[in-house]
Amino acid sequence: SVPREKQTASKTIAQKAIAYGFDGICVDGMDAIAMYHVMNEALDNARSGKGPTLIEAMTYRLCDHTTADNASLYQDPAETERWKARDGVERLRKLLLSKGWWSDADETTIQAEAEKLVGEVVATIESTPAQTPNDIFCSMYATMTPRLDRQLQEVKEHHPHGNAHEH
């Protein structure tokens, strides 16, 4: 919830890639076509051995950052309204409609499929047993390292109910 200008003196995040010896690029993160092209180029470069690419996708968050956030405390409502006109999903939708590659029927079908999928994922997550502090250590490596084992013993001493799964 802190503007980039207050987090770093760098004009962009992408330029920080220079210090690590690889490419960085800024792209309009609210333009799906631009993002697609930049991501493909980055993948091609990585796959051909040219190394990683730091992609700074310039976007505007149109809602709260988290459920504990209240963006109205630091975002100007007029600015938010201006950015809504650049909403990447709506821009892509309009492009697809104008080309005849999308229809209201497509939207209805996709929305129903997405709601079903999300419902299934939520049901799976909600039925998954809660994790314990022990899980952090026992799921990290196939064989526990001595250091992790010592840390696990410390957790057991301080959190006796975190021992549901023995390694």
N, C-alpha and C. Protein backbone atom coordinates (compact mmCIF):
# COMPACT_ATOMS: atom_id res chain seq x y z
N SER A 1 0.82 -1.21 0.00
CA SER A 1 0.00 0.00 0.00
C SER A 1 0.85 1.26 0.00
N VAL A 2 2.12 1.11 -0.35
CA VAL A 2 3.04 2.25 -0.40
C VAL A 2 3.41 2.50 -1.87
N PRO A 3 3.28 3.73 -2.33
CA PRO A 3 3.65 4.02 -3.73
C PRO A 3 5.11 3.67 -4.01
N ARG A 4 5.38 3.22 -5.23
CA ARG A 4 6.74 2.85 -5.61
C ARG A 4 7.73 3.97 -5.33
N GLU A 5 7.31 5.22 -5.56
CA GLU A 5 8.19 6.36 -5.37
C GLU A 5 8.71 6.46 -3.93
N LYS A 6 7.95 5.90 -2.98
CA LYS A 6 8.39 5.92 -1.58
C LYS A 6 9.17 4.67 -1.20
N GLN A 7 9.21 3.68 -2.08
CA GLN A 7 9.90 2.43 -1.79
C GLN A 7 11.31 2.38 -2.35
N THR A 8 11.54 3.14 -3.44
CA THR A 8 12.84 3.07 -4.10
C THR A 8 13.13 4.39 -4.81
N ALA A 9 14.41 4.68 -4.95
CA ALA A 9 14.81 5.87 -5.70
C ALA A 9 14.88 5.57 -7.20
N SER A 10 14.81 4.30 -7.56
CA SER A 10 14.85 3.93 -8.98
C SER A 10 13.60 4.43 -9.69
N LYS A 11 13.78 4.88 -10.92
CA LYS A 11 12.63 5.34 -11.70
C LYS A 11 11.71 4.19 -12.07
N THR A 12 12.28 2.98 -12.25
CA THR A 12 11.50 1.80 -12.54
C THR A 12 12.04 0.63 -11.71
N ILE A 13 11.23 -0.38 -11.56
CA ILE A 13 11.69 -1.63 -10.95
C ILE A 13 12.49 -2.42 -11.98
N ALA A 14 12.05 -2.36 -13.24
CA ALA A 14 12.71 -3.12 -14.31
C ALA A 14 14.19 -2.80 -14.41
N GLN A 15 14.58 -1.55 -14.16
CA GLN A 15 16.00 -1.18 -14.30
C GLN A 15 16.85 -1.87 -13.24
N LYS A 16 16.26 -2.37 -12.19
CA LYS A 16 17.03 -3.07 -11.16
C LYS A 16 17.64 -4.36 -11.70
N ALA A 17 17.10 -4.88 -12.79
CA ALA A 17 17.65 -6.10 -13.39
C ALA A 17 19.10 -5.91 -13.82
N ILE A 18 19.45 -4.68 -14.17
CA ILE A 18 20.82 -4.39 -14.61
C ILE A 18 21.84 -4.83 -13.56
N ALA A 19 21.52 -4.57 -12.30
CA ALA A 19 22.44 -4.93 -11.22
C ALA A 19 22.64 -6.44 -11.09
N TYR A 20 21.68 -7.19 -11.59
CA TYR A 20 21.77 -8.65 -11.51
C TYR A 20 22.28 -9.26 -12.81
N GLY A 21 22.53 -8.42 -13.81
CA GLY A 21 23.12 -8.90 -15.05
C GLY A 21 22.16 -9.52 -16.04
N PHE A 22 20.89 -9.14 -15.96
CA PHE A 22 19.95 -9.63 -16.97
C PHE A 22 19.00 -8.53 -17.39
N ASP A 23 18.15 -8.84 -18.38
CA ASP A 23 17.26 -7.84 -18.95
C ASP A 23 16.08 -7.50 -18.04
N GLY A 24 15.66 -6.25 -18.14
CA GLY A 24 14.45 -5.79 -17.47
C GLY A 24 13.64 -4.96 -18.44
N ILE A 25 12.33 -5.04 -18.34
CA ILE A 25 11.47 -4.29 -19.24
C ILE A 25 10.20 -3.86 -18.53
N CYS A 26 9.74 -2.65 -18.84
CA CYS A 26 8.45 -2.15 -18.35
C CYS A 26 7.42 -2.38 -19.45
N VAL A 27 6.23 -2.78 -19.05
CA VAL A 27 5.16 -3.01 -20.02
C VAL A 27 3.84 -2.58 -19.39
N ASP A 28 2.91 -2.17 -20.23
CA ASP A 28 1.57 -1.82 -19.76
C ASP A 28 0.89 -3.11 -19.32
N GLY A 29 0.86 -3.35 -18.03
CA GLY A 29 0.27 -4.56 -17.48
C GLY A 29 -1.23 -4.63 -17.64
N MET A 30 -1.84 -3.55 -18.10
CA MET A 30 -3.28 -3.54 -18.32
C MET A 30 -3.60 -3.74 -19.81
N ASP A 31 -2.58 -4.14 -20.57
CA ASP A 31 -2.74 -4.44 -21.98
C ASP A 31 -2.37 -5.91 -22.19
N ALA A 32 -3.38 -6.76 -22.31
CA ALA A 32 -3.16 -8.20 -22.40
C ALA A 32 -2.30 -8.57 -23.60
N ILE A 33 -2.46 -7.88 -24.72
CA ILE A 33 -1.69 -8.19 -25.92
C ILE A 33 -0.21 -7.85 -25.70
N ALA A 34 0.06 -6.69 -25.11
CA ALA A 34 1.44 -6.30 -24.82
C ALA A 34 2.06 -7.29 -23.83
N MET A 35 1.31 -7.67 -22.81
CA MET A 35 1.83 -8.63 -21.83
C MET A 35 2.14 -9.96 -22.50
N TYR A 36 1.26 -10.41 -23.37
CA TYR A 36 1.46 -11.67 -24.08
C TYR A 36 2.77 -11.63 -24.87
N HIS A 37 3.01 -10.56 -25.60
CA HIS A 37 4.23 -10.47 -26.41
C HIS A 37 5.48 -10.40 -25.55
N VAL A 38 5.45 -9.61 -24.49
CA VAL A 38 6.62 -9.49 -23.62
C VAL A 38 6.90 -10.83 -22.92
N MET A 39 5.85 -11.50 -22.46
CA MET A 39 6.05 -12.79 -21.79
C MET A 39 6.62 -13.82 -22.76
N ASN A 40 6.10 -13.85 -23.99
CA ASN A 40 6.63 -14.80 -24.99
C ASN A 40 8.09 -14.54 -25.28
N GLU A 41 8.46 -13.27 -25.42
CA GLU A 41 9.87 -12.94 -25.68
C GLU A 41 10.74 -13.37 -24.49
N ALA A 42 10.27 -13.12 -23.29
CA ALA A 42 11.03 -13.52 -22.10
C ALA A 42 11.18 -15.04 -22.04
N LEU A 43 10.11 -15.76 -22.34
CA LEU A 43 10.19 -17.23 -22.36
C LEU A 43 11.16 -17.72 -23.43
N ASP A 44 11.07 -17.14 -24.61
CA ASP A 44 11.99 -17.53 -25.69
C ASP A 44 13.44 -17.29 -25.28
N ASN A 45 13.69 -16.13 -24.67
CA ASN A 45 15.06 -15.82 -24.22
C ASN A 45 15.54 -16.81 -23.17
N ALA A 46 14.69 -17.12 -22.21
CA ALA A 46 15.07 -18.05 -21.14
C ALA A 46 15.32 -19.44 -21.72
N ARG A 47 14.43 -19.88 -22.59
CA ARG A 47 14.56 -21.23 -23.17
C ARG A 47 15.78 -21.36 -24.09
N SER A 48 16.21 -20.26 -24.68
CA SER A 48 17.37 -20.32 -25.58
C SER A 48 18.67 -20.00 -24.86
N GLY A 49 18.62 -19.92 -23.54
CA GLY A 49 19.84 -19.73 -22.76
C GLY A 49 20.26 -18.28 -22.57
N LYS A 50 19.41 -17.33 -22.92
CA LYS A 50 19.76 -15.92 -22.77
C LYS A 50 19.46 -15.38 -21.38
N GLY A 51 18.99 -16.22 -20.49
CA GLY A 51 18.77 -15.81 -19.11
C GLY A 51 17.38 -15.28 -18.82
N PRO A 52 17.20 -14.85 -17.58
CA PRO A 52 15.88 -14.39 -17.14
C PRO A 52 15.59 -12.96 -17.61
N THR A 53 14.35 -12.56 -17.44
CA THR A 53 13.92 -11.19 -17.72
C THR A 53 13.05 -10.73 -16.56
N LEU A 54 13.36 -9.58 -16.01
CA LEU A 54 12.50 -8.98 -15.00
C LEU A 54 11.45 -8.14 -15.74
N ILE A 55 10.20 -8.52 -15.59
CA ILE A 55 9.11 -7.82 -16.27
C ILE A 55 8.35 -6.99 -15.24
N GLU A 56 8.37 -5.69 -15.43
CA GLU A 56 7.60 -4.79 -14.58
C GLU A 56 6.30 -4.48 -15.30
N ALA A 57 5.23 -5.05 -14.84
CA ALA A 57 3.91 -4.83 -15.44
C ALA A 57 3.26 -3.64 -14.74
N MET A 58 3.17 -2.54 -15.43
CA MET A 58 2.62 -1.31 -14.85
C MET A 58 1.09 -1.43 -14.83
N THR A 59 0.55 -1.51 -13.64
CA THR A 59 -0.89 -1.66 -13.47
C THR A 59 -1.38 -0.71 -12.39
N TYR A 60 -2.68 -0.64 -12.27
CA TYR A 60 -3.31 0.13 -11.20
C TYR A 60 -4.27 -0.79 -10.50
N ARG A 61 -4.12 -0.92 -9.19
CA ARG A 61 -5.01 -1.79 -8.42
C ARG A 61 -6.34 -1.08 -8.22
N LEU A 62 -7.41 -1.67 -8.76
CA LEU A 62 -8.73 -1.05 -8.73
C LEU A 62 -9.53 -1.39 -7.47
N CYS A 63 -8.93 -2.14 -6.56
CA CYS A 63 -9.66 -2.52 -5.35
C CYS A 63 -8.67 -2.60 -4.19
N ASP A 64 -9.17 -2.96 -3.02
CA ASP A 64 -8.30 -3.08 -1.86
C ASP A 64 -7.21 -4.11 -2.11
N HIS A 65 -6.06 -3.89 -1.46
CA HIS A 65 -4.91 -4.78 -1.62
C HIS A 65 -5.19 -6.14 -0.98
N THR A 66 -5.82 -6.12 0.19
CA THR A 66 -6.19 -7.33 0.93
C THR A 66 -7.51 -7.06 1.63
N THR A 67 -8.06 -8.07 2.28
CA THR A 67 -9.29 -7.86 3.04
C THR A 67 -9.06 -6.96 4.25
N ALA A 68 -7.80 -6.79 4.64
CA ALA A 68 -7.48 -5.91 5.77
C ALA A 68 -7.16 -4.49 5.32
N ASP A 69 -7.22 -4.23 4.04
CA ASP A 69 -6.84 -2.95 3.46
C ASP A 69 -8.07 -2.08 3.24
N ASN A 70 -7.85 -0.77 3.23
CA ASN A 70 -8.90 0.18 2.86
C ASN A 70 -8.26 1.19 1.93
N ALA A 71 -8.31 0.88 0.63
CA ALA A 71 -7.64 1.71 -0.37
C ALA A 71 -8.17 3.13 -0.41
N SER A 72 -9.39 3.34 0.06
CA SER A 72 -9.95 4.70 0.03
C SER A 72 -9.18 5.66 0.93
N LEU A 73 -8.37 5.13 1.84
CA LEU A 73 -7.56 5.97 2.72
C LEU A 73 -6.37 6.60 1.98
N TYR A 74 -5.94 5.98 0.89
CA TYR A 74 -4.75 6.50 0.19
C TYR A 74 -4.92 6.60 -1.32
N GLN A 75 -6.02 6.15 -1.87
CA GLN A 75 -6.25 6.29 -3.32
C GLN A 75 -7.32 7.35 -3.56
N ASP A 76 -7.03 8.25 -4.47
CA ASP A 76 -7.98 9.28 -4.86
C ASP A 76 -9.09 8.63 -5.69
N PRO A 77 -10.36 8.74 -5.27
CA PRO A 77 -11.46 8.11 -6.02
C PRO A 77 -11.52 8.56 -7.48
N ALA A 78 -11.19 9.80 -7.77
CA ALA A 78 -11.21 10.28 -9.15
C ALA A 78 -10.14 9.57 -9.98
N GLU A 79 -8.97 9.37 -9.37
CA GLU A 79 -7.90 8.66 -10.06
C GLU A 79 -8.32 7.22 -10.35
N THR A 80 -8.93 6.58 -9.38
CA THR A 80 -9.40 5.21 -9.55
C THR A 80 -10.40 5.13 -10.70
N GLU A 81 -11.31 6.08 -10.77
CA GLU A 81 -12.29 6.11 -11.86
C GLU A 81 -11.62 6.26 -13.22
N ARG A 82 -10.58 7.10 -13.30
CA ARG A 82 -9.86 7.27 -14.56
C ARG A 82 -9.21 5.95 -14.99
N TRP A 83 -8.66 5.22 -14.02
CA TRP A 83 -8.00 3.96 -14.33
C TRP A 83 -9.00 2.87 -14.72
N LYS A 84 -10.21 2.94 -14.23
CA LYS A 84 -11.21 1.93 -14.59
C LYS A 84 -11.42 1.89 -16.10
N ALA A 85 -11.27 3.02 -16.77
CA ALA A 85 -11.41 3.07 -18.22
C ALA A 85 -10.31 2.28 -18.92
N ARG A 86 -9.21 2.01 -18.22
CA ARG A 86 -8.09 1.25 -18.78
C ARG A 86 -8.06 -0.19 -18.29
N ASP A 87 -9.12 -0.64 -17.64
CA ASP A 87 -9.20 -2.00 -17.11
C ASP A 87 -8.82 -3.00 -18.21
N GLY A 88 -7.78 -3.79 -17.94
CA GLY A 88 -7.25 -4.70 -18.94
C GLY A 88 -8.23 -5.76 -19.39
N VAL A 89 -9.04 -6.26 -18.49
CA VAL A 89 -10.01 -7.30 -18.85
C VAL A 89 -11.06 -6.71 -19.80
N GLU A 90 -11.55 -5.53 -19.46
CA GLU A 90 -12.57 -4.89 -20.30
C GLU A 90 -11.98 -4.48 -21.65
N ARG A 91 -10.73 -4.01 -21.66
CA ARG A 91 -10.09 -3.64 -22.93
C ARG A 91 -9.97 -4.86 -23.84
N LEU A 92 -9.55 -5.99 -23.29
CA LEU A 92 -9.41 -7.20 -24.08
C LEU A 92 -10.78 -7.68 -24.57
N ARG A 93 -11.77 -7.61 -23.71
CA ARG A 93 -13.13 -8.01 -24.08
C ARG A 93 -13.63 -7.18 -25.27
N LYS A 94 -13.43 -5.87 -25.20
CA LYS A 94 -13.88 -4.99 -26.30
C LYS A 94 -13.14 -5.32 -27.60
N LEU A 95 -11.84 -5.58 -27.51
CA LEU A 95 -11.07 -5.94 -28.71
C LEU A 95 -11.61 -7.23 -29.32
N LEU A 96 -11.80 -8.24 -28.51
CA LEU A 96 -12.30 -9.53 -29.01
C LEU A 96 -13.68 -9.39 -29.62
N LEU A 97 -14.56 -8.60 -28.98
CA LEU A 97 -15.89 -8.36 -29.53
C LEU A 97 -15.81 -7.67 -30.88
N SER A 98 -14.93 -6.66 -30.98
CA SER A 98 -14.82 -5.89 -32.23
C SER A 98 -14.31 -6.75 -33.38
N LYS A 99 -13.52 -7.78 -33.07
CA LYS A 99 -12.98 -8.67 -34.10
C LYS A 99 -13.92 -9.85 -34.39
N GLY A 100 -14.99 -9.95 -33.62
CA GLY A 100 -15.90 -11.08 -33.80
C GLY A 100 -15.38 -12.37 -33.20
N TRP A 101 -14.40 -12.27 -32.29
CA TRP A 101 -13.79 -13.45 -31.68
C TRP A 101 -14.40 -13.78 -30.33
N TRP A 102 -15.43 -13.04 -29.94
CA TRP A 102 -16.04 -13.19 -28.62
C TRP A 102 -17.51 -12.81 -28.73
N SER A 103 -18.33 -13.43 -27.92
CA SER A 103 -19.76 -13.11 -27.94
C SER A 103 -20.31 -13.15 -26.51
N ASP A 104 -21.51 -12.65 -26.35
CA ASP A 104 -22.16 -12.72 -25.04
C ASP A 104 -22.35 -14.17 -24.61
N ALA A 105 -22.63 -15.04 -25.58
CA ALA A 105 -22.80 -16.47 -25.27
C ALA A 105 -21.48 -17.05 -24.75
N ASP A 106 -20.36 -16.66 -25.39
CA ASP A 106 -19.04 -17.11 -24.92
C ASP A 106 -18.82 -16.67 -23.47
N GLU A 107 -19.17 -15.42 -23.22
CA GLU A 107 -18.96 -14.86 -21.88
C GLU A 107 -19.78 -15.61 -20.84
N THR A 108 -21.04 -15.89 -21.17
CA THR A 108 -21.92 -16.62 -20.25
C THR A 108 -21.36 -18.01 -19.96
N THR A 109 -20.92 -18.68 -21.01
CA THR A 109 -20.36 -20.04 -20.86
C THR A 109 -19.09 -20.02 -20.01
N ILE A 110 -18.19 -19.12 -20.34
CA ILE A 110 -16.92 -19.05 -19.60
C ILE A 110 -17.17 -18.67 -18.14
N GLN A 111 -18.06 -17.73 -17.90
CA GLN A 111 -18.36 -17.31 -16.53
C GLN A 111 -18.91 -18.49 -15.72
N ALA A 112 -19.80 -19.26 -16.31
CA ALA A 112 -20.36 -20.43 -15.61
C ALA A 112 -19.27 -21.46 -15.32
N GLU A 113 -18.40 -21.71 -16.31
CA GLU A 113 -17.30 -22.65 -16.10
C GLU A 113 -16.36 -22.17 -15.01
N ALA A 114 -16.06 -20.87 -15.01
CA ALA A 114 -15.16 -20.31 -13.99
C ALA A 114 -15.77 -20.42 -12.60
N GLU A 115 -17.05 -20.11 -12.47
CA GLU A 115 -17.71 -20.21 -11.17
C GLU A 115 -17.71 -21.64 -10.66
N LYS A 116 -17.94 -22.59 -11.57
CA LYS A 116 -17.93 -24.01 -11.19
C LYS A 116 -16.53 -24.42 -10.72
N LEU A 117 -15.51 -24.03 -11.49
CA LEU A 117 -14.13 -24.38 -11.15
C LEU A 117 -13.73 -23.76 -9.81
N VAL A 118 -14.04 -22.49 -9.62
CA VAL A 118 -13.70 -21.83 -8.36
C VAL A 118 -14.41 -22.53 -7.19
N GLY A 119 -15.66 -22.87 -7.39
CA GLY A 119 -16.41 -23.58 -6.35
C GLY A 119 -15.76 -24.90 -5.99
N GLU A 120 -15.30 -25.64 -6.99
CA GLU A 120 -14.63 -26.92 -6.75
C GLU A 120 -13.31 -26.72 -6.00
N VAL A 121 -12.55 -25.72 -6.39
CA VAL A 121 -11.27 -25.45 -5.74
C VAL A 121 -11.50 -25.03 -4.28
N VAL A 122 -12.47 -24.16 -4.05
CA VAL A 122 -12.78 -23.72 -2.68
C VAL A 122 -13.21 -24.92 -1.84
N ALA A 123 -14.05 -25.79 -2.38
CA ALA A 123 -14.48 -26.98 -1.64
C ALA A 123 -13.29 -27.87 -1.29
N THR A 124 -12.37 -28.04 -2.23
CA THR A 124 -11.17 -28.85 -1.97
C THR A 124 -10.32 -28.23 -0.87
N ILE A 125 -10.11 -26.93 -0.97
CA ILE A 125 -9.29 -26.24 0.03
C ILE A 125 -9.94 -26.32 1.41
N GLU A 126 -11.24 -26.08 1.45
CA GLU A 126 -11.93 -26.10 2.74
C GLU A 126 -11.96 -27.48 3.37
N SER A 127 -11.85 -28.54 2.56
CA SER A 127 -11.87 -29.90 3.11
C SER A 127 -10.47 -30.43 3.42
N THR A 128 -9.44 -29.64 3.09
CA THR A 128 -8.06 -30.03 3.36
C THR A 128 -7.75 -29.80 4.84
N PRO A 129 -7.16 -30.80 5.51
CA PRO A 129 -6.82 -30.61 6.93
C PRO A 129 -5.87 -29.43 7.13
N ALA A 130 -6.00 -28.77 8.25
CA ALA A 130 -5.14 -27.63 8.57
C ALA A 130 -3.69 -28.07 8.66
N GLN A 131 -2.80 -27.18 8.25
CA GLN A 131 -1.38 -27.45 8.34
C GLN A 131 -0.90 -27.21 9.77
N THR A 132 0.17 -27.85 10.12
CA THR A 132 0.78 -27.64 11.43
C THR A 132 2.16 -27.02 11.23
N PRO A 133 2.73 -26.43 12.26
CA PRO A 133 4.11 -25.92 12.12
C PRO A 133 5.08 -27.01 11.67
N ASN A 134 4.81 -28.24 12.07
CA ASN A 134 5.64 -29.37 11.69
C ASN A 134 5.73 -29.52 10.17
N ASP A 135 4.63 -29.25 9.49
CA ASP A 135 4.58 -29.43 8.04
C ASP A 135 5.59 -28.55 7.31
N ILE A 136 5.89 -27.40 7.88
CA ILE A 136 6.86 -26.50 7.26
C ILE A 136 8.21 -27.21 7.11
N PHE A 137 8.58 -27.97 8.11
CA PHE A 137 9.88 -28.61 8.12
C PHE A 137 9.88 -29.95 7.39
N CYS A 138 8.85 -30.75 7.60
CA CYS A 138 8.83 -32.11 7.07
C CYS A 138 8.49 -32.18 5.58
N SER A 139 8.05 -31.09 5.01
CA SER A 139 7.70 -31.10 3.59
C SER A 139 8.73 -30.35 2.75
N MET A 140 9.79 -29.87 3.37
CA MET A 140 10.76 -29.05 2.66
C MET A 140 11.70 -29.89 1.79
N TYR A 141 12.24 -30.97 2.36
CA TYR A 141 13.21 -31.81 1.66
C TYR A 141 12.81 -33.28 1.83
N ALA A 142 13.29 -34.13 0.95
CA ALA A 142 13.02 -35.57 1.09
C ALA A 142 13.66 -36.08 2.37
N THR A 143 14.83 -35.57 2.70
CA THR A 143 15.53 -35.94 3.94
C THR A 143 15.82 -34.66 4.71
N MET A 144 15.42 -34.63 5.96
CA MET A 144 15.62 -33.44 6.79
C MET A 144 17.11 -33.13 6.94
N THR A 145 17.45 -31.86 6.86
CA THR A 145 18.83 -31.45 7.12
C THR A 145 19.00 -31.32 8.63
N PRO A 146 20.21 -31.43 9.13
CA PRO A 146 20.43 -31.28 10.58
C PRO A 146 19.93 -29.92 11.10
N ARG A 147 20.15 -28.88 10.33
CA ARG A 147 19.71 -27.55 10.75
C ARG A 147 18.18 -27.48 10.86
N LEU A 148 17.49 -28.01 9.86
CA LEU A 148 16.03 -28.01 9.92
C LEU A 148 15.53 -28.87 11.07
N ASP A 149 16.20 -29.98 11.31
CA ASP A 149 15.80 -30.85 12.42
C ASP A 149 15.93 -30.12 13.76
N ARG A 150 17.02 -29.36 13.93
CA ARG A 150 17.18 -28.57 15.16
C ARG A 150 16.07 -27.54 15.29
N GLN A 151 15.76 -26.86 14.17
CA GLN A 151 14.69 -25.86 14.20
C GLN A 151 13.35 -26.51 14.52
N LEU A 152 13.11 -27.69 13.96
CA LEU A 152 11.87 -28.41 14.24
C LEU A 152 11.77 -28.74 15.73
N GLN A 153 12.87 -29.16 16.33
CA GLN A 153 12.85 -29.48 17.77
C GLN A 153 12.52 -28.24 18.59
N GLU A 154 13.04 -27.09 18.17
CA GLU A 154 12.71 -25.84 18.87
C GLU A 154 11.23 -25.52 18.75
N VAL A 155 10.67 -25.74 17.58
CA VAL A 155 9.23 -25.50 17.39
C VAL A 155 8.43 -26.43 18.29
N LYS A 156 8.84 -27.69 18.36
CA LYS A 156 8.12 -28.66 19.21
C LYS A 156 8.16 -28.23 20.68
N GLU A 157 9.28 -27.66 21.11
CA GLU A 157 9.40 -27.22 22.49
C GLU A 157 8.47 -26.05 22.79
N HIS A 158 8.32 -25.14 21.80
CA HIS A 158 7.53 -23.94 22.01
C HIS A 158 6.08 -24.06 21.56
N HIS A 159 5.79 -25.02 20.69
CA HIS A 159 4.44 -25.21 20.16
C HIS A 159 4.08 -26.69 20.23
N PRO A 160 3.72 -27.18 21.40
CA PRO A 160 3.48 -28.61 21.55
C PRO A 160 2.35 -29.15 20.67
N HIS A 161 1.44 -28.29 20.20
CA HIS A 161 0.35 -28.80 19.36
C HIS A 161 0.70 -28.78 17.89
N GLY A 162 1.92 -28.40 17.57
CA GLY A 162 2.35 -28.36 16.19
C GLY A 162 2.97 -29.65 15.72
N ASN A 163 2.79 -30.74 16.49
CA ASN A 163 3.48 -31.99 16.21
C ASN A 163 2.58 -33.05 15.58
N ALA A 164 1.55 -32.64 14.87
CA ALA A 164 0.59 -33.60 14.34
C ALA A 164 1.20 -34.60 13.38
N HIS A 165 2.20 -34.21 12.63
CA HIS A 165 2.80 -35.11 11.64
C HIS A 165 4.27 -35.31 11.99
N GLU A 166 4.63 -36.51 12.33
CA GLU A 166 6.04 -36.79 12.62
C GLU A 166 6.77 -37.06 11.32
N HIS A 167 8.06 -36.72 11.28
CA HIS A 167 8.85 -36.98 10.05
C HIS A 167 9.61 -38.27 10.19
